[in-house]
Structure formats: structure tokens, C-alpha cells
Amino acid sequence: MQVEFDVDLKEQDMYRFSMYHNYTSFQGIFSILIAIAAFVAAVVTRSEVTVGYTVLYVVFGVLFLVYVPISLKLSTRHQFRRSDQLRNTLHYRIDENGITVSQKEESATLPWEQVYKMTSTGHQILIYSTRVNAFIIPRRALGDKEEQLKELAKQKLEKYRYCIRR
């Protein structure tokens, strides 16, 4: 079995990947916990401290909730605009040997044995080559080939590396 398709990444695809990757890691979860702790501190101590401290706790909580998405948006925009490789069409051929990605005259193959994991979100399928690097495949690029890709990956990857739920 072989699946071939082209991917034209958009800045929004990179941002979604960054948000998913960040908020499923320790740093993202920690930033949410800090924000919650700041809001709880504002409510619990509001009668014991001055209004200035309560406002400071709320501002601190909002800052932790807003800072990460804004910084990810800005870094994604910067990275996407500076990289010709991200803006140009990528051709994927996924078969029994692995995942081959080509662009213009260059090509690289990632054997199935070196796939770290394969997972999905509502908008994309992510094929991780390491813990932090992934091929981003928007579902819109797959169309009717998504089920073929899932079936091939399910056959080739160990159960713990195949993390597609939907």
C-alpha cells in the first residue's frame, strides 16, 4: 500500500502544532497551573490584602494565560516567513518503507523504525521524528487518503507509538 499527497502548510498549521505541542508538555501545563493559582490567590486573599495585591494576582494570572499563545503566534509567524521550505509545497509518499518527503529536487525518507510517534488533533496528523520535531500534515491535505494513512501506520508502528484516537 502507498499513499501520496501534497501539503501546502499555512502559518495557522504551524501555530496549531506549536499550541498542541506546548500545551501537552510540562511547560504548558505548568503555565496553566500558575495562572489558576494566581486567580485562586486573588479570590482567597481579597479580604486580607489590599486591592492592589488582588489586582496584581489577577494580572499575573492573565499574563500567564495570554503570554504563551501570543509568544507562540509571534515566533510561528517569524519562523514561517523566514523559511522557504515551510512555504513551498511538500510531497509525501508513505509506503511500506517509511515516510518520504520531497521538495523540488531534494528528498528524505524516515523509516518506520525511526518514527517516534504518530498522533492527531482535530485539524492535523503529526508524525514525530523526535520528541519535539514532527511532520505536520493538515487533514485538508489528506482528503479521502486519511484512512489509508492510518491503516498503514497502524500496521507499521507499535501500539504505543500509534496515538491516533479519531
N, C-alpha and C. Protein backbone atom coordinates (compact mmCIF):
# COMPACT_ATOMS: atom_id res chain seq x y z
N MET A 1 0.85 -1.17 0.00
CA MET A 1 0.00 0.00 0.00
C MET A 1 0.90 1.24 0.00
N GLN A 2 0.45 2.26 -0.71
CA GLN A 2 1.21 3.51 -0.79
C GLN A 2 0.22 4.67 -0.81
N VAL A 3 0.55 5.73 -0.07
CA VAL A 3 -0.28 6.92 -0.03
C VAL A 3 0.59 8.10 -0.45
N GLU A 4 0.11 8.88 -1.41
CA GLU A 4 0.84 10.06 -1.86
C GLU A 4 -0.08 11.27 -1.81
N PHE A 5 0.49 12.40 -1.37
CA PHE A 5 -0.28 13.64 -1.30
C PHE A 5 0.69 14.81 -1.18
N ASP A 6 0.19 15.99 -1.45
CA ASP A 6 0.97 17.23 -1.32
C ASP A 6 0.43 18.03 -0.14
N VAL A 7 1.36 18.72 0.52
CA VAL A 7 0.99 19.56 1.66
C VAL A 7 1.49 20.97 1.42
N ASP A 8 0.57 21.90 1.49
CA ASP A 8 0.90 23.33 1.48
C ASP A 8 0.61 23.84 2.88
N LEU A 9 1.64 23.97 3.69
CA LEU A 9 1.46 24.43 5.07
C LEU A 9 1.07 25.90 5.09
N LYS A 10 0.25 26.23 6.03
CA LYS A 10 -0.12 27.62 6.28
C LYS A 10 0.42 28.00 7.66
N GLU A 11 0.53 29.27 7.89
CA GLU A 11 1.00 29.75 9.19
C GLU A 11 0.12 29.21 10.31
N GLN A 12 -1.17 29.12 10.07
CA GLN A 12 -2.12 28.60 11.06
C GLN A 12 -1.81 27.15 11.43
N ASP A 13 -1.35 26.35 10.47
CA ASP A 13 -0.98 24.95 10.75
C ASP A 13 0.20 24.89 11.71
N MET A 14 1.18 25.73 11.47
CA MET A 14 2.35 25.77 12.37
C MET A 14 1.94 26.22 13.77
N TYR A 15 1.05 27.22 13.83
CA TYR A 15 0.60 27.73 15.12
C TYR A 15 -0.17 26.65 15.89
N ARG A 16 -1.04 25.94 15.20
CA ARG A 16 -1.78 24.85 15.86
C ARG A 16 -0.84 23.79 16.40
N PHE A 17 0.18 23.44 15.62
CA PHE A 17 1.15 22.47 16.10
C PHE A 17 1.87 23.00 17.34
N SER A 18 2.31 24.25 17.29
CA SER A 18 3.02 24.84 18.43
C SER A 18 2.15 24.84 19.68
N MET A 19 0.88 25.21 19.52
CA MET A 19 -0.03 25.23 20.67
C MET A 19 -0.24 23.81 21.22
N TYR A 20 -0.47 22.86 20.33
CA TYR A 20 -0.66 21.47 20.77
C TYR A 20 0.58 20.97 21.50
N HIS A 21 1.72 21.17 20.87
CA HIS A 21 2.96 20.67 21.43
C HIS A 21 3.26 21.33 22.78
N ASN A 22 3.02 22.63 22.87
CA ASN A 22 3.31 23.34 24.12
C ASN A 22 2.35 22.93 25.24
N TYR A 23 1.06 22.88 24.94
CA TYR A 23 0.09 22.61 26.00
C TYR A 23 -0.06 21.13 26.33
N THR A 24 0.67 20.27 25.65
CA THR A 24 0.71 18.86 26.07
C THR A 24 2.06 18.55 26.72
N SER A 25 2.85 19.59 26.95
CA SER A 25 4.15 19.41 27.61
C SER A 25 4.09 19.98 29.02
N PHE A 26 5.14 19.74 29.78
CA PHE A 26 5.20 20.23 31.16
C PHE A 26 5.08 21.75 31.22
N GLN A 27 5.78 22.46 30.33
CA GLN A 27 5.77 23.93 30.35
C GLN A 27 4.36 24.49 30.19
N GLY A 28 3.60 23.94 29.25
CA GLY A 28 2.24 24.43 29.02
C GLY A 28 1.32 24.15 30.18
N ILE A 29 1.40 22.94 30.71
CA ILE A 29 0.56 22.58 31.85
C ILE A 29 0.95 23.41 33.06
N PHE A 30 2.25 23.63 33.26
CA PHE A 30 2.72 24.44 34.38
C PHE A 30 2.21 25.88 34.28
N SER A 31 2.22 26.46 33.08
CA SER A 31 1.75 27.85 32.93
C SER A 31 0.26 27.96 33.25
N ILE A 32 -0.51 26.95 32.90
CA ILE A 32 -1.94 26.96 33.25
C ILE A 32 -2.12 26.84 34.76
N LEU A 33 -1.34 25.97 35.39
CA LEU A 33 -1.44 25.81 36.85
C LEU A 33 -1.04 27.09 37.59
N ILE A 34 -0.02 27.78 37.10
CA ILE A 34 0.39 29.05 37.72
C ILE A 34 -0.73 30.08 37.58
N ALA A 35 -1.36 30.15 36.42
CA ALA A 35 -2.46 31.09 36.21
C ALA A 35 -3.62 30.78 37.15
N ILE A 36 -3.97 29.52 37.27
CA ILE A 36 -5.05 29.12 38.19
C ILE A 36 -4.69 29.47 39.62
N ALA A 37 -3.45 29.21 40.02
CA ALA A 37 -3.00 29.55 41.38
C ALA A 37 -3.10 31.06 41.62
N ALA A 38 -2.76 31.86 40.63
CA ALA A 38 -2.84 33.31 40.79
C ALA A 38 -4.30 33.76 40.96
N PHE A 39 -5.20 33.18 40.18
CA PHE A 39 -6.63 33.53 40.31
C PHE A 39 -7.18 33.09 41.66
N VAL A 40 -6.79 31.90 42.11
CA VAL A 40 -7.23 31.41 43.41
C VAL A 40 -6.69 32.31 44.52
N ALA A 41 -5.43 32.71 44.40
CA ALA A 41 -4.84 33.61 45.40
C ALA A 41 -5.58 34.94 45.43
N ALA A 42 -5.99 35.43 44.27
CA ALA A 42 -6.73 36.70 44.22
C ALA A 42 -8.07 36.57 44.95
N VAL A 43 -8.76 35.46 44.77
CA VAL A 43 -10.06 35.26 45.41
C VAL A 43 -9.91 35.00 46.91
N VAL A 44 -8.99 34.13 47.27
CA VAL A 44 -8.83 33.72 48.67
C VAL A 44 -8.31 34.87 49.54
N THR A 45 -7.41 35.67 49.01
CA THR A 45 -6.79 36.72 49.83
C THR A 45 -7.41 38.10 49.63
N ARG A 46 -8.49 38.20 48.90
CA ARG A 46 -9.05 39.53 48.58
C ARG A 46 -9.46 40.33 49.82
N SER A 47 -9.88 39.66 50.87
CA SER A 47 -10.27 40.38 52.08
C SER A 47 -9.10 40.61 53.04
N GLU A 48 -7.97 39.95 52.77
CA GLU A 48 -6.82 40.04 53.67
C GLU A 48 -5.73 40.98 53.17
N VAL A 49 -5.73 41.28 51.88
CA VAL A 49 -4.69 42.15 51.30
C VAL A 49 -5.35 43.36 50.66
N THR A 50 -4.52 44.29 50.27
CA THR A 50 -5.06 45.49 49.63
C THR A 50 -5.55 45.15 48.22
N VAL A 51 -6.33 46.06 47.68
CA VAL A 51 -6.88 45.89 46.33
C VAL A 51 -5.74 45.77 45.31
N GLY A 52 -4.66 46.47 45.56
CA GLY A 52 -3.51 46.43 44.65
C GLY A 52 -2.95 45.02 44.49
N TYR A 53 -2.85 44.28 45.59
CA TYR A 53 -2.35 42.91 45.51
C TYR A 53 -3.33 41.99 44.78
N THR A 54 -4.61 42.18 45.03
CA THR A 54 -5.62 41.36 44.35
C THR A 54 -5.56 41.59 42.85
N VAL A 55 -5.45 42.86 42.46
CA VAL A 55 -5.34 43.19 41.03
C VAL A 55 -4.04 42.59 40.47
N LEU A 56 -2.98 42.66 41.23
CA LEU A 56 -1.70 42.10 40.79
C LEU A 56 -1.80 40.59 40.56
N TYR A 57 -2.50 39.88 41.44
CA TYR A 57 -2.70 38.44 41.25
C TYR A 57 -3.48 38.16 39.97
N VAL A 58 -4.52 38.93 39.73
CA VAL A 58 -5.34 38.74 38.52
C VAL A 58 -4.53 39.04 37.27
N VAL A 59 -3.76 40.12 37.30
CA VAL A 59 -2.92 40.48 36.15
C VAL A 59 -1.89 39.38 35.90
N PHE A 60 -1.31 38.88 36.97
CA PHE A 60 -0.33 37.80 36.86
C PHE A 60 -0.96 36.56 36.21
N GLY A 61 -2.16 36.20 36.64
CA GLY A 61 -2.87 35.05 36.07
C GLY A 61 -3.18 35.25 34.60
N VAL A 62 -3.68 36.42 34.24
CA VAL A 62 -3.99 36.73 32.84
C VAL A 62 -2.71 36.71 32.01
N LEU A 63 -1.66 37.25 32.56
CA LEU A 63 -0.38 37.27 31.85
C LEU A 63 0.08 35.85 31.50
N PHE A 64 -0.04 34.93 32.46
CA PHE A 64 0.37 33.55 32.18
C PHE A 64 -0.54 32.87 31.17
N LEU A 65 -1.81 33.24 31.15
CA LEU A 65 -2.72 32.64 30.18
C LEU A 65 -2.54 33.21 28.78
N VAL A 66 -2.17 34.48 28.68
CA VAL A 66 -2.10 35.16 27.39
C VAL A 66 -0.68 35.15 26.80
N TYR A 67 0.32 35.17 27.65
CA TYR A 67 1.70 35.29 27.17
C TYR A 67 2.10 34.13 26.24
N VAL A 68 1.84 32.90 26.64
CA VAL A 68 2.28 31.74 25.86
C VAL A 68 1.66 31.73 24.47
N PRO A 69 0.33 31.85 24.33
CA PRO A 69 -0.23 31.85 22.97
C PRO A 69 0.27 33.01 22.10
N ILE A 70 0.44 34.18 22.69
CA ILE A 70 0.93 35.31 21.89
C ILE A 70 2.38 35.10 21.48
N SER A 71 3.21 34.62 22.39
CA SER A 71 4.61 34.39 22.02
C SER A 71 4.72 33.28 20.99
N LEU A 72 3.90 32.25 21.08
CA LEU A 72 3.91 31.19 20.07
C LEU A 72 3.45 31.72 18.72
N LYS A 73 2.45 32.57 18.73
CA LYS A 73 1.96 33.16 17.47
C LYS A 73 3.05 33.98 16.81
N LEU A 74 3.74 34.80 17.58
CA LEU A 74 4.80 35.65 17.02
C LEU A 74 5.98 34.83 16.52
N SER A 75 6.39 33.82 17.29
CA SER A 75 7.54 33.02 16.85
C SER A 75 7.17 32.16 15.63
N THR A 76 5.95 31.67 15.58
CA THR A 76 5.49 30.91 14.42
C THR A 76 5.48 31.78 13.18
N ARG A 77 4.96 32.98 13.31
CA ARG A 77 4.91 33.92 12.17
C ARG A 77 6.33 34.20 11.67
N HIS A 78 7.23 34.47 12.60
CA HIS A 78 8.62 34.77 12.23
C HIS A 78 9.27 33.56 11.54
N GLN A 79 9.10 32.38 12.10
CA GLN A 79 9.69 31.16 11.54
C GLN A 79 9.10 30.86 10.16
N PHE A 80 7.81 31.00 10.01
CA PHE A 80 7.15 30.70 8.74
C PHE A 80 7.58 31.66 7.64
N ARG A 81 7.69 32.91 7.96
CA ARG A 81 8.07 33.91 6.95
C ARG A 81 9.53 33.79 6.53
N ARG A 82 10.39 33.29 7.41
CA ARG A 82 11.81 33.17 7.10
C ARG A 82 12.18 31.87 6.40
N SER A 83 11.28 30.91 6.36
CA SER A 83 11.61 29.59 5.82
C SER A 83 10.92 29.32 4.49
N ASP A 84 11.70 29.25 3.44
CA ASP A 84 11.14 28.89 2.12
C ASP A 84 10.65 27.45 2.13
N GLN A 85 11.32 26.58 2.87
CA GLN A 85 10.91 25.18 2.92
C GLN A 85 9.50 25.02 3.48
N LEU A 86 9.15 25.82 4.46
CA LEU A 86 7.81 25.71 5.04
C LEU A 86 6.74 26.28 4.12
N ARG A 87 7.08 27.29 3.35
CA ARG A 87 6.10 27.95 2.49
C ARG A 87 5.88 27.22 1.16
N ASN A 88 6.83 26.37 0.74
CA ASN A 88 6.70 25.66 -0.52
C ASN A 88 6.02 24.31 -0.31
N THR A 89 5.45 23.78 -1.38
CA THR A 89 4.73 22.51 -1.32
C THR A 89 5.66 21.35 -1.00
N LEU A 90 5.21 20.51 -0.08
CA LEU A 90 5.93 19.29 0.28
C LEU A 90 5.15 18.11 -0.30
N HIS A 91 5.87 17.19 -0.93
CA HIS A 91 5.22 15.98 -1.46
C HIS A 91 5.56 14.81 -0.53
N TYR A 92 4.53 14.13 -0.08
CA TYR A 92 4.69 12.99 0.82
C TYR A 92 4.36 11.70 0.07
N ARG A 93 5.21 10.69 0.26
CA ARG A 93 4.92 9.34 -0.20
C ARG A 93 5.13 8.44 1.01
N ILE A 94 4.07 7.83 1.46
CA ILE A 94 4.13 6.97 2.64
C ILE A 94 3.81 5.56 2.18
N ASP A 95 4.77 4.66 2.43
CA ASP A 95 4.61 3.28 1.98
C ASP A 95 5.20 2.32 3.00
N GLU A 96 5.42 1.09 2.60
CA GLU A 96 5.94 0.05 3.50
C GLU A 96 7.32 0.40 4.07
N ASN A 97 8.10 1.20 3.35
CA ASN A 97 9.47 1.54 3.78
C ASN A 97 9.52 2.69 4.78
N GLY A 98 8.54 3.58 4.72
CA GLY A 98 8.55 4.72 5.63
C GLY A 98 7.89 5.94 5.01
N ILE A 99 8.27 7.10 5.51
CA ILE A 99 7.71 8.37 5.08
C ILE A 99 8.77 9.11 4.28
N THR A 100 8.49 9.35 3.02
CA THR A 100 9.41 10.08 2.16
C THR A 100 8.81 11.44 1.87
N VAL A 101 9.60 12.46 2.16
CA VAL A 101 9.18 13.83 1.93
C VAL A 101 10.11 14.43 0.89
N SER A 102 9.54 15.04 -0.12
CA SER A 102 10.37 15.66 -1.15
C SER A 102 9.85 17.07 -1.45
N GLN A 103 10.81 17.89 -1.85
CA GLN A 103 10.51 19.26 -2.21
C GLN A 103 11.51 19.67 -3.28
N LYS A 104 10.99 20.05 -4.41
CA LYS A 104 11.84 20.34 -5.57
C LYS A 104 12.69 19.11 -5.85
N GLU A 105 14.01 19.24 -5.87
CA GLU A 105 14.87 18.09 -6.20
C GLU A 105 15.40 17.37 -4.96
N GLU A 106 15.05 17.80 -3.77
CA GLU A 106 15.54 17.17 -2.55
C GLU A 106 14.50 16.21 -1.97
N SER A 107 15.02 15.15 -1.34
CA SER A 107 14.13 14.13 -0.80
C SER A 107 14.78 13.49 0.43
N ALA A 108 13.96 13.08 1.39
CA ALA A 108 14.45 12.39 2.58
C ALA A 108 13.40 11.37 3.02
N THR A 109 13.89 10.24 3.52
CA THR A 109 12.99 9.18 3.96
C THR A 109 13.21 8.91 5.45
N LEU A 110 12.12 8.83 6.17
CA LEU A 110 12.14 8.45 7.58
C LEU A 110 11.58 7.03 7.67
N PRO A 111 12.44 6.04 7.97
CA PRO A 111 11.95 4.66 8.09
C PRO A 111 10.98 4.53 9.26
N TRP A 112 10.06 3.59 9.16
CA TRP A 112 9.06 3.39 10.20
C TRP A 112 9.70 3.13 11.56
N GLU A 113 10.86 2.49 11.57
CA GLU A 113 11.54 2.17 12.83
C GLU A 113 12.01 3.43 13.56
N GLN A 114 12.16 4.53 12.82
CA GLN A 114 12.64 5.77 13.43
C GLN A 114 11.52 6.76 13.73
N VAL A 115 10.29 6.38 13.47
CA VAL A 115 9.16 7.25 13.82
C VAL A 115 8.99 7.19 15.33
N TYR A 116 9.06 8.36 15.98
CA TYR A 116 8.95 8.43 17.43
C TYR A 116 7.51 8.11 17.86
N LYS A 117 6.55 8.80 17.22
CA LYS A 117 5.14 8.51 17.46
C LYS A 117 4.31 9.22 16.39
N MET A 118 3.09 8.79 16.27
CA MET A 118 2.15 9.40 15.34
C MET A 118 0.89 9.70 16.12
N THR A 119 0.46 10.94 16.06
CA THR A 119 -0.72 11.36 16.81
C THR A 119 -1.56 12.29 15.94
N SER A 120 -2.70 12.70 16.46
CA SER A 120 -3.57 13.58 15.69
C SER A 120 -4.27 14.59 16.58
N THR A 121 -4.68 15.66 15.96
CA THR A 121 -5.52 16.67 16.60
C THR A 121 -6.75 16.81 15.72
N GLY A 122 -7.60 17.73 16.02
CA GLY A 122 -8.79 17.93 15.20
C GLY A 122 -8.48 18.40 13.79
N HIS A 123 -7.34 19.06 13.61
CA HIS A 123 -7.02 19.65 12.31
C HIS A 123 -5.84 19.01 11.60
N GLN A 124 -5.06 18.19 12.29
CA GLN A 124 -3.85 17.69 11.66
C GLN A 124 -3.41 16.33 12.22
N ILE A 125 -2.61 15.66 11.41
CA ILE A 125 -1.94 14.44 11.85
C ILE A 125 -0.47 14.80 11.99
N LEU A 126 0.13 14.39 13.09
CA LEU A 126 1.51 14.72 13.40
C LEU A 126 2.33 13.44 13.45
N ILE A 127 3.39 13.42 12.65
CA ILE A 127 4.30 12.27 12.65
C ILE A 127 5.61 12.76 13.24
N TYR A 128 5.87 12.39 14.48
CA TYR A 128 7.06 12.84 15.19
C TYR A 128 8.27 12.00 14.79
N SER A 129 9.35 12.70 14.43
CA SER A 129 10.62 12.02 14.16
C SER A 129 11.50 12.02 15.41
N THR A 130 11.26 12.97 16.30
CA THR A 130 11.89 13.04 17.61
C THR A 130 10.82 13.50 18.59
N ARG A 131 11.21 13.72 19.82
CA ARG A 131 10.24 14.17 20.83
C ARG A 131 9.67 15.54 20.53
N VAL A 132 10.41 16.38 19.77
CA VAL A 132 9.95 17.75 19.52
C VAL A 132 9.74 18.08 18.04
N ASN A 133 10.25 17.28 17.12
CA ASN A 133 10.12 17.57 15.70
C ASN A 133 9.08 16.65 15.07
N ALA A 134 8.22 17.25 14.25
CA ALA A 134 7.16 16.46 13.64
C ALA A 134 6.87 16.94 12.23
N PHE A 135 6.41 16.00 11.41
CA PHE A 135 5.84 16.34 10.12
C PHE A 135 4.40 16.74 10.40
N ILE A 136 4.01 17.92 9.95
CA ILE A 136 2.66 18.41 10.16
C ILE A 136 1.87 18.14 8.89
N ILE A 137 0.84 17.33 9.01
CA ILE A 137 0.01 17.00 7.86
C ILE A 137 -1.41 17.47 8.15
N PRO A 138 -1.81 18.59 7.57
CA PRO A 138 -3.19 19.05 7.77
C PRO A 138 -4.17 18.03 7.18
N ARG A 139 -5.25 17.80 7.88
CA ARG A 139 -6.24 16.83 7.41
C ARG A 139 -6.81 17.25 6.05
N ARG A 140 -6.87 18.54 5.78
CA ARG A 140 -7.41 19.00 4.49
C ARG A 140 -6.54 18.52 3.32
N ALA A 141 -5.24 18.28 3.57
CA ALA A 141 -4.35 17.82 2.52
C ALA A 141 -4.55 16.34 2.22
N LEU A 142 -5.04 15.59 3.19
CA LEU A 142 -5.22 14.15 3.01
C LEU A 142 -6.50 13.79 2.28
N GLY A 143 -7.56 14.51 2.59
CA GLY A 143 -8.84 14.19 1.97
C GLY A 143 -9.24 12.75 2.25
N ASP A 144 -9.55 12.00 1.20
CA ASP A 144 -10.00 10.62 1.35
C ASP A 144 -8.86 9.63 1.60
N LYS A 145 -7.63 10.10 1.62
CA LYS A 145 -6.47 9.22 1.85
C LYS A 145 -6.14 9.06 3.33
N GLU A 146 -6.86 9.75 4.19
CA GLU A 146 -6.57 9.70 5.62
C GLU A 146 -6.70 8.29 6.19
N GLU A 147 -7.74 7.58 5.82
CA GLU A 147 -7.94 6.23 6.34
C GLU A 147 -6.84 5.28 5.87
N GLN A 148 -6.37 5.45 4.63
CA GLN A 148 -5.27 4.62 4.13
C GLN A 148 -4.00 4.88 4.94
N LEU A 149 -3.74 6.15 5.22
CA LEU A 149 -2.57 6.52 6.00
C LEU A 149 -2.64 5.91 7.40
N LYS A 150 -3.80 6.02 8.03
CA LYS A 150 -3.97 5.47 9.37
C LYS A 150 -3.78 3.96 9.38
N GLU A 151 -4.33 3.29 8.39
CA GLU A 151 -4.22 1.83 8.32
C GLU A 151 -2.77 1.40 8.14
N LEU A 152 -2.04 2.09 7.26
CA LEU A 152 -0.64 1.77 7.02
C LEU A 152 0.18 2.00 8.28
N ALA A 153 -0.05 3.12 8.95
CA ALA A 153 0.68 3.44 10.18
C ALA A 153 0.36 2.44 11.28
N LYS A 154 -0.88 2.04 11.36
CA LYS A 154 -1.29 1.06 12.38
C LYS A 154 -0.58 -0.28 12.17
N GLN A 155 -0.36 -0.65 10.91
CA GLN A 155 0.34 -1.89 10.60
C GLN A 155 1.84 -1.79 10.93
N LYS A 156 2.43 -0.62 10.71
CA LYS A 156 3.88 -0.48 10.78
C LYS A 156 4.40 -0.03 12.15
N LEU A 157 3.57 0.64 12.94
CA LEU A 157 4.02 1.17 14.23
C LEU A 157 3.55 0.30 15.38
N GLU A 158 4.38 0.23 16.43
CA GLU A 158 3.97 -0.45 17.64
C GLU A 158 2.78 0.31 18.23
N LYS A 159 1.98 -0.38 19.00
CA LYS A 159 0.76 0.20 19.53
C LYS A 159 1.01 1.48 20.34
N TYR A 160 2.09 1.49 21.13
CA TYR A 160 2.38 2.66 21.97
C TYR A 160 2.86 3.87 21.15
N ARG A 161 3.28 3.67 19.92
CA ARG A 161 3.71 4.79 19.07
C ARG A 161 2.61 5.27 18.14
N TYR A 162 1.52 4.54 18.04
CA TYR A 162 0.38 4.93 17.23
C TYR A 162 -0.68 5.50 18.18
N CYS A 163 -0.76 6.83 18.23
CA CYS A 163 -1.61 7.50 19.22
C CYS A 163 -2.77 8.25 18.58
N ILE A 164 -3.28 7.76 17.47
CA ILE A 164 -4.39 8.41 16.79
C ILE A 164 -5.69 7.87 17.38
N ARG A 165 -6.50 8.78 17.87
CA ARG A 165 -7.73 8.39 18.53
C ARG A 165 -8.96 8.56 17.62
N ARG A 166 -8.90 9.51 16.70
CA ARG A 166 -10.06 9.78 15.85
C ARG A 166 -9.71 9.74 14.40
